[in-house]
Amino acid sequence: MSDNNTNNYQPNYEVPKEYKPISVWGYFGYEILFAIPVLGLIIMIICCLSKNKNIKNFALSHFCLLVILIVIFAVFFFLGFGEILGEIASEYFDFELFF
């Protein structure tokens, strides 16, 4: 028999630093940091440039969500703001002359 016993084999699970997983508390901490109004945006941008893929992808997902929410808010704002401007303008101008 051989001296190499395959039952005692323990694989090396050393994960490279750029793929090191984040704990649940780490994600929770990043959520809190990203929620701080101006500082959170700066930290989010810095984390988007991180070498750790997990932190980078988490920050990028938050950044994409932020952009989507800003676009949705802008659309609703301009639609609502246009309606309010139309009501104000109808008080001061007679639109029946134009149509």
Protein backbone atom coordinates (compact mmCIF):
# COMPACT_ATOMS: atom_id res chain seq x y z
CA MET A 1 0.00 0.00 0.00
CA SER A 2 0.96 3.53 -0.52
CA ASP A 3 1.73 6.02 2.26
CA ASN A 4 -0.56 8.58 0.61
CA ASN A 5 -3.86 8.17 2.42
CA THR A 6 -6.62 9.97 0.53
CA ASN A 7 -8.92 9.97 3.57
CA ASN A 8 -6.70 12.47 5.38
CA TYR A 9 -6.61 14.91 2.48
CA GLN A 10 -7.59 18.41 3.49
CA PRO A 11 -7.88 20.85 0.61
CA ASN A 12 -6.40 24.28 0.86
CA TYR A 13 -9.29 26.74 0.94
CA GLU A 14 -7.18 29.87 0.89
CA VAL A 15 -9.23 32.45 -0.96
CA PRO A 16 -7.38 35.23 -2.76
CA LYS A 17 -7.78 38.63 -1.13
CA GLU A 18 -9.83 40.00 -4.03
CA TYR A 19 -12.42 37.21 -3.58
CA LYS A 20 -12.56 37.20 0.22
CA PRO A 21 -16.21 36.93 1.28
CA ILE A 22 -17.96 39.57 3.36
CA SER A 23 -19.77 38.59 6.55
CA VAL A 24 -23.41 39.42 7.20
CA TRP A 25 -22.31 42.16 9.59
CA GLY A 26 -20.03 43.50 6.88
CA TYR A 27 -22.95 43.88 4.50
CA PHE A 28 -24.98 45.45 7.29
CA GLY A 29 -22.17 47.92 7.99
CA TYR A 30 -21.87 48.86 4.33
CA GLU A 31 -25.66 49.40 4.19
CA ILE A 32 -25.39 51.84 7.08
CA LEU A 33 -22.38 53.61 5.53
CA PHE A 34 -24.11 53.96 2.16
CA ALA A 35 -27.18 55.44 3.87
CA ILE A 36 -25.26 58.49 5.14
CA PRO A 37 -26.28 61.29 2.75
CA VAL A 38 -23.08 62.78 1.26
CA LEU A 39 -20.40 60.69 2.92
CA GLY A 40 -22.21 57.50 1.88
CA LEU A 41 -22.04 58.47 -1.78
CA ILE A 42 -18.31 59.14 -1.49
CA ILE A 43 -17.74 55.83 0.30
CA MET A 44 -19.89 54.06 -2.31
CA ILE A 45 -17.77 55.45 -5.14
CA ILE A 46 -14.58 54.45 -3.32
CA CYS A 47 -15.96 50.94 -2.77
CA CYS A 48 -16.84 50.74 -6.49
CA LEU A 49 -13.10 51.03 -7.13
CA SER A 50 -12.20 48.40 -4.51
CA LYS A 51 -10.04 45.40 -5.38
CA ASN A 52 -12.34 43.04 -3.47
CA LYS A 53 -14.91 41.77 -5.97
CA ASN A 54 -17.64 41.28 -3.34
CA ILE A 55 -17.40 44.81 -1.97
CA LYS A 56 -17.11 46.21 -5.50
CA ASN A 57 -20.22 44.38 -6.76
CA PHE A 58 -22.20 45.29 -3.65
CA ALA A 59 -21.30 48.97 -4.06
CA LEU A 60 -22.06 48.87 -7.80
CA SER A 61 -25.48 47.37 -7.13
CA HIS A 62 -26.24 50.16 -4.67
CA PHE A 63 -24.98 52.75 -7.13
CA CYS A 64 -27.19 51.34 -9.92
CA LEU A 65 -30.17 51.33 -7.55
CA LEU A 66 -29.43 54.96 -6.66
CA VAL A 67 -29.30 55.97 -10.34
CA ILE A 68 -32.57 54.12 -11.09
CA LEU A 69 -34.30 55.79 -8.14
CA ILE A 70 -33.04 59.23 -9.19
CA VAL A 71 -34.36 58.69 -12.74
CA ILE A 72 -37.75 57.51 -11.45
CA PHE A 73 -37.93 60.43 -9.03
CA ALA A 74 -37.00 62.90 -11.79
CA VAL A 75 -39.70 61.53 -14.11
CA PHE A 76 -42.37 61.75 -11.42
CA PHE A 77 -41.12 65.18 -10.36
CA PHE A 78 -41.24 66.65 -13.85
CA LEU A 79 -44.61 65.08 -14.60
CA GLY A 80 -46.06 66.41 -11.37
CA PHE A 81 -44.25 69.72 -11.65
CA GLY A 82 -45.55 70.15 -15.20
CA GLU A 83 -49.09 69.61 -13.98
CA ILE A 84 -48.65 72.16 -11.20
CA LEU A 85 -47.17 74.69 -13.65
CA GLY A 86 -50.10 74.06 -15.98
CA GLU A 87 -52.57 74.83 -13.21
CA ILE A 88 -50.71 78.00 -12.25
CA ALA A 89 -50.45 79.10 -15.87
CA SER A 90 -54.16 78.46 -16.48
CA GLU A 91 -54.98 80.94 -13.71
CA TYR A 92 -52.98 83.71 -15.37
CA PHE A 93 -53.37 82.92 -19.07
CA ASP A 94 -56.42 82.12 -21.11
CA PHE A 95 -55.47 79.01 -23.08
CA GLU A 96 -58.77 78.98 -24.97
CA LEU A 97 -57.35 81.71 -27.19
CA PHE A 98 -54.61 79.38 -28.37
CA PHE A 99 -56.77 76.31 -29.09
